PDB file of N, CA and C in Angstrom:
ATOM      1  N   UNK A   1     -76.077 204.386 198.674  1.00  0.00           N
ATOM      2  CA  UNK A   1     -76.161 205.044 199.985  1.00  0.00           C
ATOM      3  C   UNK A   1     -75.255 206.180 199.914  1.00  0.00           C
ATOM      4  N   UNK A   2     -75.750 207.382 200.149  1.00  0.00           N
ATOM      5  CA  UNK A   2     -75.044 208.605 200.234  1.00  0.00           C
ATOM      6  C   UNK A   2     -74.550 209.044 201.657  1.00  0.00           C
ATOM      7  N   UNK A   3     -73.308 208.904 201.989  1.00  0.00           N
ATOM      8  CA  UNK A   3     -72.820 209.002 203.372  1.00  0.00           C
ATOM      9  C   UNK A   3     -72.177 210.382 203.487  1.00  0.00           C
ATOM     10  N   UNK A   4     -72.246 210.953 204.691  1.00  0.00           N
ATOM     11  CA  UNK A   4     -71.563 212.103 205.075  1.00  0.00           C
ATOM     12  C   UNK A   4     -70.533 211.600 206.185  1.00  0.00           C
ATOM     13  N   UNK A   5     -69.330 212.067 206.191  1.00  0.00           N
ATOM     14  CA  UNK A   5     -68.329 211.731 207.156  1.00  0.00           C
ATOM     15  C   UNK A   5     -67.863 213.105 207.800  1.00  0.00           C
ATOM     16  N   UNK A   6     -68.023 213.129 209.081  1.00  0.00           N
ATOM     17  CA  UNK A   6     -67.533 214.289 209.923  1.00  0.00           C
ATOM     18  C   UNK A   6     -66.290 213.975 210.733  1.00  0.00           C
ATOM     19  N   UNK A   7     -65.344 214.795 210.766  1.00  0.00           N
ATOM     20  CA  UNK A   7     -64.097 214.600 211.500  1.00  0.00           C
ATOM     21  C   UNK A   7     -63.844 215.886 212.304  1.00  0.00           C
ATOM     22  N   UNK A   8     -63.534 215.741 213.562  1.00  0.00           N
ATOM     23  CA  UNK A   8     -63.236 216.887 214.329  1.00  0.00           C
ATOM     24  C   UNK A   8     -61.806 216.546 215.157  1.00  0.00           C
ATOM     25  N   UNK A   9     -60.910 217.322 214.931  1.00  0.00           N
ATOM     26  CA  UNK A   9     -59.592 217.090 215.629  1.00  0.00           C
ATOM     27  C   UNK A   9     -59.489 218.022 216.790  1.00  0.00           C
ATOM     28  N   UNK A  10     -59.650 217.526 217.973  1.00  0.00           N
ATOM     29  CA  UNK A  10     -59.498 218.384 219.202  1.00  0.00           C
ATOM     30  C   UNK A  10     -58.185 218.250 219.913  1.00  0.00           C
ATOM     31  N   UNK A  11     -58.112 218.853 221.051  1.00  0.00           N
ATOM     32  CA  UNK A  11     -56.893 218.850 221.701  1.00  0.00           C
ATOM     33  C   UNK A  11     -56.443 217.450 222.321  1.00  0.00           C
ATOM     34  N   UNK A  12     -57.519 216.677 222.671  1.00  0.00           N
ATOM     35  CA  UNK A  12     -57.176 215.214 223.242  1.00  0.00           C
ATOM     36  C   UNK A  12     -57.645 214.224 222.211  1.00  0.00           C
ATOM     37  N   UNK A  13     -58.817 214.380 221.693  1.00  0.00           N
ATOM     38  CA  UNK A  13     -59.386 213.335 220.811  1.00  0.00           C
ATOM     39  C   UNK A  13     -59.664 213.893 219.400  1.00  0.00           C
ATOM     40  N   UNK A  14     -59.661 212.908 218.441  1.00  0.00           N
ATOM     41  CA  UNK A  14     -60.198 213.143 217.139  1.00  0.00           C
ATOM     42  C   UNK A  14     -61.393 212.341 217.082  1.00  0.00           C
ATOM     43  N   UNK A  15     -62.576 212.981 216.724  1.00  0.00           N
ATOM     44  CA  UNK A  15     -63.885 212.274 216.645  1.00  0.00           C
ATOM     45  C   UNK A  15     -64.215 212.132 215.137  1.00  0.00           C
ATOM     46  N   UNK A  16     -64.892 210.998 214.851  1.00  0.00           N
ATOM     47  CA  UNK A  16     -65.484 210.884 213.532  1.00  0.00           C
ATOM     48  C   UNK A  16     -66.870 210.294 213.672  1.00  0.00           C
ATOM     49  N   UNK A  17     -67.729 210.783 212.801  1.00  0.00           N
ATOM     50  CA  UNK A  17     -69.138 210.340 212.650  1.00  0.00           C
ATOM     51  C   UNK A  17     -69.406 210.013 211.211  1.00  0.00           C
ATOM     52  N   UNK A  18     -70.314 209.021 210.993  1.00  0.00           N
ATOM     53  CA  UNK A  18     -70.691 208.552 209.699  1.00  0.00           C
ATOM     54  C   UNK A  18     -72.335 208.733 209.623  1.00  0.00           C
ATOM     55  N   UNK A  19     -72.828 209.482 208.764  1.00  0.00           N
ATOM     56  CA  UNK A  19     -74.204 209.746 208.623  1.00  0.00           C
ATOM     57  C   UNK A  19     -74.792 209.221 207.242  1.00  0.00           C
ATOM     58  N   UNK A  20     -75.988 208.593 207.345  1.00  0.00           N
ATOM     59  CA  UNK A  20     -76.741 208.369 206.096  1.00  0.00           C
ATOM     60  C   UNK A  20     -77.478 209.643 205.782  1.00  0.00           C
ATOM     61  N   UNK A  21     -77.021 210.327 204.779  1.00  0.00           N
ATOM     62  CA  UNK A  21     -77.704 211.652 204.394  1.00  0.00           C
ATOM     63  C   UNK A  21     -79.153 211.447 203.939  1.00  0.00           C
ATOM     64  N   UNK A  22     -79.429 210.284 203.241  1.00  0.00           N
ATOM     65  CA  UNK A  22     -80.819 210.145 202.733  1.00  0.00           C
ATOM     66  C   UNK A  22     -81.882 209.956 203.828  1.00  0.00           C
ATOM     67  N   UNK A  23     -81.428 209.322 204.957  1.00  0.00           N
ATOM     68  CA  UNK A  23     -82.292 208.957 206.073  1.00  0.00           C
ATOM     69  C   UNK A  23     -82.128 209.937 207.299  1.00  0.00           C
ATOM     70  N   UNK A  24     -80.976 210.707 207.209  1.00  0.00           N
ATOM     71  CA  UNK A  24     -80.639 211.473 208.423  1.00  0.00           C
ATOM     72  C   UNK A  24     -80.299 210.686 209.599  1.00  0.00           C
ATOM     73  N   UNK A  25     -79.701 209.585 209.460  1.00  0.00           N
ATOM     74  CA  UNK A  25     -79.391 208.605 210.446  1.00  0.00           C
ATOM     75  C   UNK A  25     -77.956 208.533 210.822  1.00  0.00           C
ATOM     76  N   UNK A  26     -77.660 208.592 212.026  1.00  0.00           N
ATOM     77  CA  UNK A  26     -76.334 208.330 212.596  1.00  0.00           C
ATOM     78  C   UNK A  26     -75.934 206.859 212.308  1.00  0.00           C
ATOM     79  N   UNK A  27     -74.936 206.516 211.608  1.00  0.00           N
ATOM     80  CA  UNK A  27     -74.621 205.121 211.421  1.00  0.00           C
ATOM     81  C   UNK A  27     -73.573 204.642 212.461  1.00  0.00           C
ATOM     82  N   UNK A  28     -72.580 205.521 212.672  1.00  0.00           N
ATOM     83  CA  UNK A  28     -71.530 205.161 213.628  1.00  0.00           C
ATOM     84  C   UNK A  28     -70.700 206.413 214.080  1.00  0.00           C
ATOM     85  N   UNK A  29     -70.096 206.277 215.247  1.00  0.00           N
ATOM     86  CA  UNK A  29     -69.222 207.336 215.770  1.00  0.00           C
ATOM     87  C   UNK A  29     -67.974 206.686 216.384  1.00  0.00           C
ATOM     88  N   UNK A  30     -66.886 207.406 216.457  1.00  0.00           N
ATOM     89  CA  UNK A  30     -65.662 206.778 216.950  1.00  0.00           C
ATOM     90  C   UNK A  30     -64.714 207.855 217.421  1.00  0.00           C
ATOM     91  N   UNK A  31     -63.741 207.490 218.293  1.00  0.00           N
ATOM     92  CA  UNK A  31     -62.721 208.453 218.768  1.00  0.00           C
ATOM     93  C   UNK A  31     -61.358 207.866 218.630  1.00  0.00           C
ATOM     94  N   UNK A  32     -60.372 208.651 218.542  1.00  0.00           N
ATOM     95  CA  UNK A  32     -59.073 208.211 218.486  1.00  0.00           C
ATOM     96  C   UNK A  32     -58.216 209.349 219.143  1.00  0.00           C
ATOM     97  N   UNK A  33     -57.090 209.068 219.741  1.00  0.00           N
ATOM     98  CA  UNK A  33     -56.269 209.986 220.329  1.00  0.00           C
ATOM     99  C   UNK A  33     -55.789 210.968 219.323  1.00  0.00           C
ATOM    100  N   UNK A  34     -55.734 212.241 219.505  1.00  0.00           N
ATOM    101  CA  UNK A  34     -55.195 213.318 218.585  1.00  0.00           C
ATOM    102  C   UNK A  34     -53.639 213.144 218.718  1.00  0.00           C
ATOM    103  N   UNK A  35     -53.007 213.067 217.557  1.00  0.00           N
ATOM    104  CA  UNK A  35     -51.585 213.020 217.531  1.00  0.00           C
ATOM    105  C   UNK A  35     -51.010 214.376 217.017  1.00  0.00           C
ATOM    106  N   UNK A  36     -50.565 215.114 218.021  1.00  0.00           N
ATOM    107  CA  UNK A  36     -50.169 216.437 217.741  1.00  0.00           C
ATOM    108  C   UNK A  36     -48.950 216.570 216.768  1.00  0.00           C
ATOM    109  N   UNK A  37     -48.066 215.507 216.772  1.00  0.00           N
ATOM    110  CA  UNK A  37     -46.889 215.606 215.946  1.00  0.00           C
ATOM    111  C   UNK A  37     -47.200 215.218 214.532  1.00  0.00           C
ATOM    112  N   UNK A  38     -48.350 214.590 214.354  1.00  0.00           N
ATOM    113  CA  UNK A  38     -48.802 214.307 212.929  1.00  0.00           C
ATOM    114  C   UNK A  38     -50.375 214.088 212.973  1.00  0.00           C
ATOM    115  N   UNK A  39     -51.058 215.092 212.787  1.00  0.00           N
ATOM    116  CA  UNK A  39     -52.553 214.895 212.829  1.00  0.00           C
ATOM    117  C   UNK A  39     -53.170 213.853 211.973  1.00  0.00           C
ATOM    118  N   UNK A  40     -52.426 213.545 210.888  1.00  0.00           N
ATOM    119  CA  UNK A  40     -53.045 212.628 209.972  1.00  0.00           C
ATOM    120  C   UNK A  40     -53.201 211.173 210.644  1.00  0.00           C
ATOM    121  N   UNK A  41     -52.260 210.863 211.676  1.00  0.00           N
ATOM    122  CA  UNK A  41     -52.313 209.625 212.330  1.00  0.00           C
ATOM    123  C   UNK A  41     -53.616 209.474 213.188  1.00  0.00           C
ATOM    124  N   UNK A  42     -53.872 210.465 213.817  1.00  0.00           N
ATOM    125  CA  UNK A  42     -55.131 210.570 214.718  1.00  0.00           C
ATOM    126  C   UNK A  42     -56.381 210.461 213.853  1.00  0.00           C
ATOM    127  N   UNK A  43     -56.365 211.179 212.723  1.00  0.00           N
ATOM    128  CA  UNK A  43     -57.391 211.185 211.750  1.00  0.00           C
ATOM    129  C   UNK A  43     -57.622 209.829 211.158  1.00  0.00           C
ATOM    130  N   UNK A  44     -56.590 209.219 210.778  1.00  0.00           N
ATOM    131  CA  UNK A  44     -56.659 207.861 210.255  1.00  0.00           C
ATOM    132  C   UNK A  44     -57.094 206.799 211.206  1.00  0.00           C
ATOM    133  N   UNK A  45     -56.772 207.021 212.500  1.00  0.00           N
ATOM    134  CA  UNK A  45     -57.250 206.082 213.509  1.00  0.00           C
ATOM    135  C   UNK A  45     -58.816 206.206 213.678  1.00  0.00           C
ATOM    136  N   UNK A  46     -59.233 207.498 213.706  1.00  0.00           N
ATOM    137  CA  UNK A  46     -60.725 207.662 213.928  1.00  0.00           C
ATOM    138  C   UNK A  46     -61.441 207.189 212.668  1.00  0.00           C
ATOM    139  N   UNK A  47     -60.889 207.272 211.518  1.00  0.00           N
ATOM    140  CA  UNK A  47     -61.564 206.790 210.335  1.00  0.00           C
ATOM    141  C   UNK A  47     -61.618 205.229 210.409  1.00  0.00           C
ATOM    142  N   UNK A  48     -60.502 204.624 210.712  1.00  0.00           N
ATOM    143  CA  UNK A  48     -60.538 203.200 210.876  1.00  0.00           C
ATOM    144  C   UNK A  48     -61.583 202.735 211.892  1.00  0.00           C
ATOM    145  N   UNK A  49     -61.645 203.328 212.977  1.00  0.00           N
ATOM    146  CA  UNK A  49     -62.590 202.975 214.079  1.00  0.00           C
ATOM    147  C   UNK A  49     -64.077 203.237 213.677  1.00  0.00           C
ATOM    148  N   UNK A  50     -64.320 204.404 212.947  1.00  0.00           N
ATOM    149  CA  UNK A  50     -65.726 204.683 212.642  1.00  0.00           C
ATOM    150  C   UNK A  50     -66.262 203.635 211.465  1.00  0.00           C
ATOM    151  N   UNK A  51     -65.356 203.291 210.591  1.00  0.00           N
ATOM    152  CA  UNK A  51     -65.720 202.320 209.602  1.00  0.00           C
ATOM    153  C   UNK A  51     -65.860 200.857 210.205  1.00  0.00           C
ATOM    154  N   UNK A  52     -65.008 200.603 211.170  1.00  0.00           N
ATOM    155  CA  UNK A  52     -65.182 199.316 211.910  1.00  0.00           C
ATOM    156  C   UNK A  52     -66.468 199.173 212.631  1.00  0.00           C
ATOM    157  N   UNK A  53     -66.811 200.356 213.347  1.00  0.00           N
ATOM    158  CA  UNK A  53     -68.153 200.319 213.933  1.00  0.00           C
ATOM    159  C   UNK A  53     -69.362 200.239 212.967  1.00  0.00           C
ATOM    160  N   UNK A  54     -69.187 200.908 211.847  1.00  0.00           N
ATOM    161  CA  UNK A  54     -70.276 200.891 210.803  1.00  0.00           C
ATOM    162  C   UNK A  54     -70.382 199.475 210.088  1.00  0.00           C
ATOM    163  N   UNK A  55     -69.268 198.744 210.116  1.00  0.00           N
ATOM    164  CA  UNK A  55     -69.281 197.462 209.472  1.00  0.00           C
ATOM    165  C   UNK A  55     -70.206 196.500 210.155  1.00  0.00           C
ATOM    166  N   UNK A  56     -70.603 196.766 211.373  1.00  0.00           N
ATOM    167  CA  UNK A  56     -71.585 195.858 212.088  1.00  0.00           C
ATOM    168  C   UNK A  56     -72.938 196.022 211.501  1.00  0.00           C
ATOM    169  N   UNK A  57     -73.237 197.006 210.662  1.00  0.00           N
ATOM    170  CA  UNK A  57     -74.490 197.251 210.081  1.00  0.00           C
ATOM    171  C   UNK A  57     -74.742 196.344 208.802  1.00  0.00           C
ATOM    172  N   UNK A  58     -75.995 196.187 208.481  1.00  0.00           N
ATOM    173  CA  UNK A  58     -76.360 195.555 207.260  1.00  0.00           C
ATOM    174  C   UNK A  58     -77.134 196.455 206.348  1.00  0.00           C
ATOM    175  N   UNK A  59     -76.752 196.784 205.164  1.00  0.00           N
ATOM    176  CA  UNK A  59     -75.480 196.432 204.540  1.00  0.00           C
ATOM    177  C   UNK A  59     -74.419 197.428 205.131  1.00  0.00           C
ATOM    178  N   UNK A  60     -73.240 196.880 205.165  1.00  0.00           N
ATOM    179  CA  UNK A  60     -72.061 197.695 205.738  1.00  0.00           C
ATOM    180  C   UNK A  60     -71.640 198.841 204.862  1.00  0.00           C
ATOM    181  N   UNK A  61     -71.569 200.004 205.316  1.00  0.00           N
ATOM    182  CA  UNK A  61     -71.169 201.113 204.541  1.00  0.00           C
ATOM    183  C   UNK A  61     -69.717 200.995 204.155  1.00  0.00           C
ATOM    184  N   UNK A  62     -69.290 201.450 202.901  1.00  0.00           N
ATOM    185  CA  UNK A  62     -67.923 201.498 202.505  1.00  0.00           C
ATOM    186  C   UNK A  62     -67.456 202.920 202.335  1.00  0.00           C
ATOM    187  N   UNK A  63     -66.180 203.095 202.484  1.00  0.00           N
ATOM    188  CA  UNK A  63     -65.583 204.413 202.179  1.00  0.00           C
ATOM    189  C   UNK A  63     -65.954 205.015 200.852  1.00  0.00           C
ATOM    190  N   UNK A  64     -66.120 204.124 199.908  1.00  0.00           N
ATOM    191  CA  UNK A  64     -66.569 204.596 198.560  1.00  0.00           C
ATOM    192  C   UNK A  64     -67.933 205.241 198.546  1.00  0.00           C
ATOM    193  N   UNK A  65     -68.715 204.907 199.521  1.00  0.00           N
ATOM    194  CA  UNK A  65     -70.054 205.496 199.617  1.00  0.00           C
ATOM    195  C   UNK A  65     -70.122 206.885 200.194  1.00  0.00           C
ATOM    196  N   UNK A  66     -69.030 207.419 200.633  1.00  0.00           N
ATOM    197  CA  UNK A  66     -68.943 208.714 201.226  1.00  0.00           C
ATOM    198  C   UNK A  66     -68.918 209.845 200.081  1.00  0.00           C
ATOM    199  N   UNK A  67     -70.013 210.697 200.237  1.00  0.00           N
ATOM    200  CA  UNK A  67     -70.151 211.739 199.215  1.00  0.00           C
ATOM    201  C   UNK A  67     -69.760 213.154 199.756  1.00  0.00           C
ATOM    202  N   UNK A  68     -69.651 213.289 201.083  1.00  0.00           N
ATOM    203  CA  UNK A  68     -69.398 214.543 201.661  1.00  0.00           C
ATOM    204  C   UNK A  68     -68.494 214.335 202.790  1.00  0.00           C
ATOM    205  N   UNK A  69     -67.451 215.175 203.009  1.00  0.00           N
ATOM    206  CA  UNK A  69     -66.554 215.067 204.206  1.00  0.00           C
ATOM    207  C   UNK A  69     -66.467 216.471 204.757  1.00  0.00           C
ATOM    208  N   UNK A  70     -66.651 216.609 206.113  1.00  0.00           N
ATOM    209  CA  UNK A  70     -66.438 217.828 206.783  1.00  0.00           C
ATOM    210  C   UNK A  70     -65.372 217.614 207.800  1.00  0.00           C
ATOM    211  N   UNK A  71     -64.389 218.561 207.830  1.00  0.00           N
ATOM    212  CA  UNK A  71     -63.213 218.491 208.780  1.00  0.00           C
ATOM    213  C   UNK A  71     -63.200 219.741 209.607  1.00  0.00           C
ATOM    214  N   UNK A  72     -63.066 219.533 210.892  1.00  0.00           N
ATOM    215  CA  UNK A  72     -63.057 220.766 211.733  1.00  0.00           C
ATOM    216  C   UNK A  72     -61.990 220.553 212.852  1.00  0.00           C
ATOM    217  N   UNK A  73     -61.575 221.673 213.514  1.00  0.00           N
ATOM    218  CA  UNK A  73     -60.601 221.475 214.582  1.00  0.00           C
ATOM    219  C   UNK A  73     -60.794 222.595 215.585  1.00  0.00           C
ATOM    220  N   UNK A  74     -60.399 222.346 216.739  1.00  0.00           N
ATOM    221  CA  UNK A  74     -60.412 223.370 217.743  1.00  0.00           C
ATOM    222  C   UNK A  74     -58.971 223.617 218.144  1.00  0.00           C
ATOM    223  N   UNK A  75     -57.966 223.047 217.478  1.00  0.00           N
ATOM    224  CA  UNK A  75     -56.623 223.271 217.966  1.00  0.00           C
ATOM    225  C   UNK A  75     -56.167 224.619 217.954  1.00  0.00           C
ATOM    226  N   UNK A  76     -56.502 225.363 216.899  1.00  0.00           N
ATOM    227  CA  UNK A  76     -56.035 226.868 216.841  1.00  0.00           C
ATOM    228  C   UNK A  76     -56.760 227.660 217.883  1.00  0.00           C
ATOM    229  N   UNK A  77     -58.036 227.311 218.185  1.00  0.00           N
ATOM    230  CA  UNK A  77     -58.826 228.080 219.155  1.00  0.00           C
ATOM    231  C   UNK A  77     -58.218 227.876 220.542  1.00  0.00           C
ATOM    232  N   UNK A  78     -57.844 226.561 220.841  1.00  0.00           N
ATOM    233  CA  UNK A  78     -57.363 226.294 222.132  1.00  0.00           C
ATOM    234  C   UNK A  78     -55.869 226.774 222.362  1.00  0.00           C
ATOM    235  N   UNK A  79     -55.205 227.104 221.342  1.00  0.00           N
ATOM    236  CA  UNK A  79     -53.841 227.540 221.396  1.00  0.00           C
ATOM    237  C   UNK A  79     -53.874 228.905 221.959  1.00  0.00           C
TER     238      UNK A  79
END
């Protein structure tokens, strides 16, 4: 399974989505609070949540299945 992982760090929330690239199907989405003092904490929280949500599927996607990662932010725009 070839997965795409999208992460967006915003002013309030960090969002994550997990897509099955072969089927064009959204497998899971999740949010975590953006941690301005250390953005990695909010990103890690969103990643944990999106894979926890995806784990309910059969077969459960694994981080090792991720072939593409996209990271975006609106923090600079909002500043």
